[in-house]
Amino acid sequence: MTKVLRGHHLLCVHGFQGLGYSPAFVEKMNEIVTDIRNDQLDFQIQVVAAFDEACMACPHRGIEKCEADQNSNEHVLSMDEKVIRHLGIEKEKVYQKSELISLTAEKVKPEDLDDICENCSWLSYGVCKEGMAKLREKYEK
């Protein structure tokens, strides 16, 4: 099974606490997060800077772009690109989940989210930085 995830969702999954844009989005994101957090499960993930599986359940998904507001599509694409650059990976390439999680734990500090996720509405909740700190702690051992 190969999942498709946009760049910034590679980080969102670690802080996800059941908040979201709609019940359908929360349900879909929860499915993705459950698989990502399952240490017994490894699978392929194609990393994209475009709609992914979570976006398919989002009420802001337009036909070709995010339509949450007039700047949202550029904003999410910018976050995708920042994550991809920060992790040193390539768009459209397929990676093992375990490799992406290990890279994230190694390369992304909680304070990096201030730049990578700048202006994201979820950043102020603190769950993203908390999730990143827990991930890093888990991989330090």
N, C-alpha and C. Protein backbone atom coordinates (compact mmCIF):
# COMPACT_ATOMS: atom_id res chain seq x y z
N MET A 1 0.85 -1.18 0.00
CA MET A 1 0.00 0.00 0.00
C MET A 1 0.90 1.24 0.00
N THR A 2 0.66 2.13 -0.93
CA THR A 2 1.40 3.40 -0.97
C THR A 2 0.43 4.53 -0.66
N LYS A 3 0.75 5.29 0.37
CA LYS A 3 -0.07 6.46 0.71
C LYS A 3 0.54 7.67 0.01
N VAL A 4 -0.29 8.65 -0.26
CA VAL A 4 0.16 9.91 -0.83
C VAL A 4 -0.03 10.97 0.25
N LEU A 5 1.08 11.64 0.61
CA LEU A 5 1.00 12.69 1.63
C LEU A 5 1.71 13.94 1.14
N ARG A 6 1.08 15.07 1.37
CA ARG A 6 1.74 16.32 1.00
C ARG A 6 2.81 16.62 2.05
N GLY A 7 3.80 17.39 1.64
CA GLY A 7 4.94 17.66 2.49
C GLY A 7 4.60 18.08 3.90
N HIS A 8 3.73 19.08 4.06
CA HIS A 8 3.49 19.57 5.42
C HIS A 8 2.70 18.57 6.27
N HIS A 9 1.95 17.70 5.65
CA HIS A 9 1.23 16.69 6.43
C HIS A 9 2.19 15.68 7.06
N LEU A 10 3.42 15.58 6.53
CA LEU A 10 4.42 14.73 7.15
C LEU A 10 4.73 15.20 8.57
N LEU A 11 4.54 16.49 8.83
CA LEU A 11 4.75 17.03 10.17
C LEU A 11 3.45 17.04 10.96
N CYS A 12 2.35 17.39 10.32
CA CYS A 12 1.06 17.48 11.01
C CYS A 12 0.69 16.19 11.73
N VAL A 13 1.03 15.06 11.14
CA VAL A 13 0.63 13.78 11.73
C VAL A 13 1.18 13.58 13.14
N HIS A 14 2.30 14.22 13.46
CA HIS A 14 2.92 14.01 14.77
C HIS A 14 2.26 14.83 15.87
N GLY A 15 1.56 15.89 15.49
CA GLY A 15 0.89 16.72 16.48
C GLY A 15 -0.62 16.59 16.47
N PHE A 16 -1.14 15.85 15.52
CA PHE A 16 -2.60 15.74 15.36
C PHE A 16 -3.27 15.25 16.63
N GLN A 17 -4.31 15.99 17.05
CA GLN A 17 -5.04 15.66 18.28
C GLN A 17 -6.55 15.59 18.04
N GLY A 18 -6.96 15.37 16.80
CA GLY A 18 -8.39 15.23 16.54
C GLY A 18 -9.09 16.53 16.17
N LEU A 19 -8.32 17.59 15.98
CA LEU A 19 -8.91 18.85 15.52
C LEU A 19 -8.89 18.85 14.00
N GLY A 20 -9.76 19.63 13.39
CA GLY A 20 -9.76 19.65 11.93
C GLY A 20 -10.80 20.58 11.37
N TYR A 21 -10.95 20.52 10.07
CA TYR A 21 -11.83 21.44 9.34
C TYR A 21 -13.26 20.96 9.26
N SER A 22 -13.46 19.66 9.45
CA SER A 22 -14.80 19.07 9.38
C SER A 22 -14.71 17.66 9.97
N PRO A 23 -15.85 17.08 10.35
CA PRO A 23 -15.81 15.70 10.87
C PRO A 23 -15.19 14.71 9.86
N ALA A 24 -15.48 14.87 8.58
CA ALA A 24 -14.92 13.96 7.57
C ALA A 24 -13.40 14.10 7.48
N PHE A 25 -12.91 15.34 7.57
CA PHE A 25 -11.47 15.57 7.53
C PHE A 25 -10.81 14.94 8.76
N VAL A 26 -11.38 15.16 9.92
CA VAL A 26 -10.83 14.61 11.16
C VAL A 26 -10.77 13.09 11.08
N GLU A 27 -11.84 12.48 10.57
CA GLU A 27 -11.88 11.03 10.44
C GLU A 27 -10.78 10.53 9.50
N LYS A 28 -10.62 11.18 8.36
CA LYS A 28 -9.59 10.77 7.39
C LYS A 28 -8.20 10.98 7.97
N MET A 29 -7.98 12.13 8.59
CA MET A 29 -6.66 12.42 9.17
C MET A 29 -6.36 11.42 10.28
N ASN A 30 -7.37 11.07 11.05
CA ASN A 30 -7.17 10.09 12.12
C ASN A 30 -6.74 8.73 11.57
N GLU A 31 -7.32 8.32 10.45
CA GLU A 31 -6.91 7.06 9.79
C GLU A 31 -5.44 7.12 9.40
N ILE A 32 -5.05 8.22 8.77
CA ILE A 32 -3.66 8.40 8.32
C ILE A 32 -2.71 8.40 9.52
N VAL A 33 -3.06 9.17 10.54
CA VAL A 33 -2.23 9.29 11.74
C VAL A 33 -2.09 7.94 12.45
N THR A 34 -3.16 7.19 12.53
CA THR A 34 -3.11 5.87 13.18
C THR A 34 -2.09 4.98 12.48
N ASP A 35 -2.10 4.97 11.16
CA ASP A 35 -1.13 4.16 10.39
C ASP A 35 0.30 4.68 10.57
N ILE A 36 0.46 5.99 10.55
CA ILE A 36 1.80 6.59 10.68
C ILE A 36 2.37 6.28 12.08
N ARG A 37 1.55 6.37 13.09
CA ARG A 37 2.03 6.18 14.47
C ARG A 37 2.17 4.71 14.86
N ASN A 38 1.69 3.79 14.03
CA ASN A 38 1.78 2.36 14.32
C ASN A 38 3.20 1.87 14.00
N ASP A 39 3.98 1.63 15.05
CA ASP A 39 5.38 1.20 14.86
C ASP A 39 5.50 -0.17 14.20
N GLN A 40 4.45 -0.95 14.23
CA GLN A 40 4.48 -2.30 13.64
C GLN A 40 4.21 -2.28 12.13
N LEU A 41 3.79 -1.12 11.64
CA LEU A 41 3.38 -1.01 10.25
C LEU A 41 4.35 -0.11 9.49
N ASP A 42 4.92 -0.64 8.40
CA ASP A 42 5.76 0.19 7.53
C ASP A 42 5.18 0.09 6.13
N PHE A 43 5.16 1.17 5.43
CA PHE A 43 4.60 1.19 4.09
C PHE A 43 5.22 2.35 3.32
N GLN A 44 4.92 2.41 2.05
CA GLN A 44 5.47 3.46 1.20
C GLN A 44 4.60 4.70 1.24
N ILE A 45 5.29 5.85 1.19
CA ILE A 45 4.60 7.14 1.13
C ILE A 45 5.19 7.94 -0.03
N GLN A 46 4.31 8.36 -0.93
CA GLN A 46 4.74 9.27 -1.99
C GLN A 46 4.54 10.69 -1.46
N VAL A 47 5.61 11.46 -1.45
CA VAL A 47 5.56 12.83 -0.93
C VAL A 47 5.26 13.79 -2.08
N VAL A 48 4.23 14.62 -1.87
CA VAL A 48 3.81 15.54 -2.93
C VAL A 48 3.65 16.96 -2.39
N ALA A 49 3.62 17.90 -3.29
CA ALA A 49 3.23 19.28 -2.97
C ALA A 49 1.96 19.51 -3.78
N ALA A 50 0.90 18.87 -3.33
CA ALA A 50 -0.38 18.87 -4.04
C ALA A 50 -1.40 18.19 -3.13
N PHE A 51 -2.63 18.07 -3.62
CA PHE A 51 -3.65 17.37 -2.85
C PHE A 51 -3.16 15.96 -2.49
N ASP A 52 -3.50 15.54 -1.28
CA ASP A 52 -3.20 14.18 -0.85
C ASP A 52 -4.48 13.55 -0.31
N GLU A 53 -4.33 12.43 0.38
CA GLU A 53 -5.50 11.71 0.88
C GLU A 53 -6.28 12.53 1.91
N ALA A 54 -5.59 13.27 2.76
CA ALA A 54 -6.29 14.10 3.75
C ALA A 54 -7.08 15.21 3.06
N CYS A 55 -6.50 15.80 2.05
CA CYS A 55 -7.16 16.90 1.32
C CYS A 55 -8.47 16.45 0.68
N MET A 56 -8.55 15.19 0.31
CA MET A 56 -9.75 14.69 -0.35
C MET A 56 -10.97 14.79 0.57
N ALA A 57 -10.74 14.84 1.88
CA ALA A 57 -11.85 14.93 2.84
C ALA A 57 -12.03 16.35 3.39
N CYS A 58 -11.25 17.30 2.88
CA CYS A 58 -11.29 18.66 3.42
C CYS A 58 -12.39 19.49 2.75
N PRO A 59 -13.17 20.22 3.53
CA PRO A 59 -14.24 21.04 2.95
C PRO A 59 -13.71 22.24 2.15
N HIS A 60 -12.43 22.56 2.29
CA HIS A 60 -11.84 23.68 1.56
C HIS A 60 -11.23 23.27 0.22
N ARG A 61 -11.30 21.99 -0.10
CA ARG A 61 -10.70 21.51 -1.35
C ARG A 61 -11.54 21.96 -2.53
N GLY A 62 -10.89 22.73 -3.39
CA GLY A 62 -11.55 23.11 -4.63
C GLY A 62 -11.25 22.06 -5.68
N ILE A 63 -11.54 22.36 -6.92
CA ILE A 63 -11.28 21.40 -8.00
C ILE A 63 -9.78 21.21 -8.19
N GLU A 64 -9.03 22.32 -8.17
CA GLU A 64 -7.60 22.23 -8.42
C GLU A 64 -6.72 22.78 -7.30
N LYS A 65 -7.33 23.45 -6.31
CA LYS A 65 -6.51 24.04 -5.26
C LYS A 65 -7.29 24.23 -3.98
N CYS A 66 -6.55 24.50 -2.91
CA CYS A 66 -7.16 24.78 -1.62
C CYS A 66 -7.86 26.14 -1.72
N GLU A 67 -9.09 26.19 -1.22
CA GLU A 67 -9.87 27.42 -1.33
C GLU A 67 -10.34 27.92 0.04
N ALA A 68 -9.57 27.64 1.10
CA ALA A 68 -9.94 28.11 2.44
C ALA A 68 -10.03 29.64 2.44
N ASP A 69 -9.09 30.30 1.77
CA ASP A 69 -9.14 31.74 1.54
C ASP A 69 -8.27 32.04 0.32
N GLN A 70 -8.16 33.29 -0.05
CA GLN A 70 -7.48 33.61 -1.31
C GLN A 70 -5.98 33.29 -1.29
N ASN A 71 -5.37 33.20 -0.10
CA ASN A 71 -3.93 32.90 -0.03
C ASN A 71 -3.63 31.48 0.42
N SER A 72 -4.65 30.70 0.72
CA SER A 72 -4.43 29.39 1.34
C SER A 72 -3.67 28.42 0.45
N ASN A 73 -3.94 28.40 -0.84
CA ASN A 73 -3.25 27.44 -1.70
C ASN A 73 -1.75 27.72 -1.74
N GLU A 74 -1.39 28.99 -1.90
CA GLU A 74 0.03 29.36 -1.92
C GLU A 74 0.66 29.04 -0.57
N HIS A 75 -0.10 29.27 0.50
CA HIS A 75 0.42 29.01 1.85
C HIS A 75 0.71 27.53 2.07
N VAL A 76 -0.23 26.65 1.73
CA VAL A 76 0.00 25.22 1.95
C VAL A 76 1.11 24.69 1.04
N LEU A 77 1.17 25.19 -0.19
CA LEU A 77 2.25 24.78 -1.09
C LEU A 77 3.60 25.23 -0.56
N SER A 78 3.64 26.42 0.01
CA SER A 78 4.88 26.94 0.59
C SER A 78 5.32 26.06 1.76
N MET A 79 4.38 25.66 2.61
CA MET A 79 4.72 24.77 3.73
C MET A 79 5.21 23.41 3.21
N ASP A 80 4.54 22.89 2.16
CA ASP A 80 4.99 21.62 1.57
C ASP A 80 6.44 21.72 1.13
N GLU A 81 6.75 22.78 0.40
CA GLU A 81 8.11 22.99 -0.13
C GLU A 81 9.13 23.13 1.00
N LYS A 82 8.76 23.88 2.05
CA LYS A 82 9.68 24.07 3.18
C LYS A 82 9.99 22.74 3.87
N VAL A 83 8.97 21.92 4.07
CA VAL A 83 9.18 20.61 4.72
C VAL A 83 10.07 19.73 3.85
N ILE A 84 9.77 19.67 2.58
CA ILE A 84 10.53 18.83 1.64
C ILE A 84 12.00 19.27 1.63
N ARG A 85 12.23 20.57 1.57
CA ARG A 85 13.59 21.11 1.61
C ARG A 85 14.27 20.80 2.94
N HIS A 86 13.56 21.03 4.03
CA HIS A 86 14.11 20.83 5.37
C HIS A 86 14.51 19.37 5.60
N LEU A 87 13.71 18.45 5.08
CA LEU A 87 14.02 17.02 5.25
C LEU A 87 15.05 16.53 4.24
N GLY A 88 15.29 17.32 3.19
CA GLY A 88 16.25 16.91 2.16
C GLY A 88 15.73 15.78 1.30
N ILE A 89 14.43 15.80 1.03
CA ILE A 89 13.82 14.75 0.20
C ILE A 89 13.32 15.37 -1.10
N GLU A 90 12.78 14.52 -1.98
CA GLU A 90 12.32 14.99 -3.28
C GLU A 90 10.81 14.83 -3.43
N LYS A 91 10.21 15.82 -4.09
CA LYS A 91 8.78 15.75 -4.42
C LYS A 91 8.53 14.60 -5.37
N GLU A 92 7.38 13.99 -5.20
CA GLU A 92 6.89 12.89 -6.05
C GLU A 92 7.61 11.57 -5.80
N LYS A 93 8.68 11.58 -5.03
CA LYS A 93 9.43 10.36 -4.77
C LYS A 93 8.72 9.54 -3.69
N VAL A 94 8.92 8.24 -3.73
CA VAL A 94 8.32 7.32 -2.77
C VAL A 94 9.38 6.91 -1.74
N TYR A 95 9.00 7.00 -0.47
CA TYR A 95 9.89 6.65 0.64
C TYR A 95 9.18 5.67 1.55
N GLN A 96 9.95 4.96 2.35
CA GLN A 96 9.36 4.13 3.39
C GLN A 96 8.93 5.04 4.53
N LYS A 97 7.79 4.73 5.13
CA LYS A 97 7.30 5.51 6.27
C LYS A 97 8.38 5.61 7.34
N SER A 98 9.03 4.50 7.66
CA SER A 98 10.04 4.48 8.72
C SER A 98 11.18 5.45 8.42
N GLU A 99 11.56 5.56 7.17
CA GLU A 99 12.64 6.48 6.77
C GLU A 99 12.20 7.94 6.97
N LEU A 100 10.97 8.25 6.57
CA LEU A 100 10.47 9.62 6.71
C LEU A 100 10.32 10.01 8.18
N ILE A 101 9.87 9.09 9.01
CA ILE A 101 9.71 9.40 10.43
C ILE A 101 11.08 9.60 11.07
N SER A 102 12.02 8.76 10.74
CA SER A 102 13.37 8.89 11.28
C SER A 102 14.01 10.21 10.85
N LEU A 103 13.85 10.57 9.59
CA LEU A 103 14.38 11.86 9.08
C LEU A 103 13.73 13.03 9.80
N THR A 104 12.43 12.94 10.01
CA THR A 104 11.70 14.01 10.69
C THR A 104 12.21 14.16 12.12
N ALA A 105 12.34 13.05 12.82
CA ALA A 105 12.83 13.07 14.20
C ALA A 105 14.23 13.67 14.29
N GLU A 106 15.05 13.34 13.31
CA GLU A 106 16.44 13.81 13.30
C GLU A 106 16.56 15.28 12.92
N LYS A 107 15.77 15.72 11.94
CA LYS A 107 15.99 17.03 11.34
C LYS A 107 15.05 18.15 11.77
N VAL A 108 13.92 17.81 12.38
CA VAL A 108 12.94 18.85 12.71
C VAL A 108 12.83 19.03 14.23
N LYS A 109 13.25 20.19 14.69
CA LYS A 109 13.11 20.55 16.10
C LYS A 109 11.80 21.29 16.27
N PRO A 110 11.20 21.24 17.45
CA PRO A 110 9.94 21.97 17.66
C PRO A 110 10.01 23.43 17.23
N GLU A 111 11.10 24.12 17.53
CA GLU A 111 11.22 25.54 17.18
C GLU A 111 11.33 25.77 15.66
N ASP A 112 11.70 24.74 14.90
CA ASP A 112 11.75 24.87 13.43
C ASP A 112 10.35 25.13 12.85
N LEU A 113 9.33 24.70 13.59
CA LEU A 113 7.96 24.86 13.10
C LEU A 113 7.57 26.33 12.99
N ASP A 114 8.20 27.21 13.79
CA ASP A 114 7.91 28.64 13.70
C ASP A 114 8.16 29.17 12.29
N ASP A 115 9.18 28.64 11.63
CA ASP A 115 9.48 29.05 10.25
C ASP A 115 8.75 28.17 9.25
N ILE A 116 8.89 26.86 9.38
CA ILE A 116 8.30 25.93 8.41
C ILE A 116 6.78 26.12 8.32
N CYS A 117 6.14 26.28 9.45
CA CYS A 117 4.67 26.34 9.52
C CYS A 117 4.17 27.77 9.80
N GLU A 118 4.98 28.74 9.46
CA GLU A 118 4.62 30.14 9.70
C GLU A 118 3.23 30.45 9.17
N ASN A 119 2.42 31.10 9.99
CA ASN A 119 1.05 31.49 9.67
C ASN A 119 0.05 30.34 9.58
N CYS A 120 0.45 29.15 9.99
CA CYS A 120 -0.52 28.05 10.04
C CYS A 120 -1.44 28.26 11.24
N SER A 121 -2.72 28.11 11.02
CA SER A 121 -3.70 28.35 12.09
C SER A 121 -3.57 27.35 13.24
N TRP A 122 -2.98 26.20 13.00
CA TRP A 122 -2.87 25.17 14.04
C TRP A 122 -1.66 25.37 14.93
N LEU A 123 -0.68 26.14 14.49
CA LEU A 123 0.58 26.29 15.23
C LEU A 123 0.36 26.86 16.63
N SER A 124 -0.56 27.79 16.76
CA SER A 124 -0.79 28.45 18.05
C SER A 124 -1.37 27.52 19.13
N TYR A 125 -1.89 26.37 18.74
CA TYR A 125 -2.45 25.43 19.71
C TYR A 125 -1.37 24.72 20.51
N GLY A 126 -0.15 24.70 19.98
CA GLY A 126 0.97 24.07 20.68
C GLY A 126 1.09 22.57 20.50
N VAL A 127 0.08 21.94 19.91
CA VAL A 127 0.11 20.48 19.77
C VAL A 127 1.16 20.02 18.76
N CYS A 128 1.47 20.85 17.79
CA CYS A 128 2.44 20.48 16.76
C CYS A 128 3.85 20.41 17.36
N LYS A 129 4.21 21.44 18.11
CA LYS A 129 5.53 21.45 18.75
C LYS A 129 5.63 20.33 19.78
N GLU A 130 4.55 20.11 20.50
CA GLU A 130 4.52 19.03 21.49
C GLU A 130 4.72 17.67 20.81
N GLY A 131 4.02 17.46 19.70
CA GLY A 131 4.15 16.21 18.94
C GLY A 131 5.56 16.02 18.41
N MET A 132 6.18 17.09 17.94
CA MET A 132 7.53 17.00 17.41
C MET A 132 8.52 16.69 18.54
N ALA A 133 8.32 17.30 19.69
CA ALA A 133 9.19 17.04 20.84
C ALA A 133 9.09 15.57 21.26
N LYS A 134 7.87 15.03 21.29
CA LYS A 134 7.68 13.62 21.66
C LYS A 134 8.33 12.69 20.64
N LEU A 135 8.21 13.02 19.37
CA LEU A 135 8.82 12.20 18.32
C LEU A 135 10.34 12.18 18.49
N ARG A 136 10.92 13.36 18.70
CA ARG A 136 12.38 13.45 18.86
C ARG A 136 12.84 12.67 20.10
N GLU A 137 12.08 12.76 21.18
CA GLU A 137 12.39 12.03 22.42
C GLU A 137 12.40 10.53 22.16
N LYS A 138 11.41 10.07 21.44
CA LYS A 138 11.26 8.65 21.15
C LYS A 138 12.47 8.13 20.36
N TYR A 139 12.99 8.96 19.44
CA TYR A 139 14.08 8.51 18.58
C TYR A 139 15.46 8.77 19.16
N GLU A 140 15.53 9.51 20.27
CA GLU A 140 16.82 9.75 20.92
C GLU A 140 17.33 8.49 21.62
N LYS A 141 16.40 7.65 22.01
CA LYS A 141 16.76 6.47 22.81
C LYS A 141 17.45 5.41 22.00
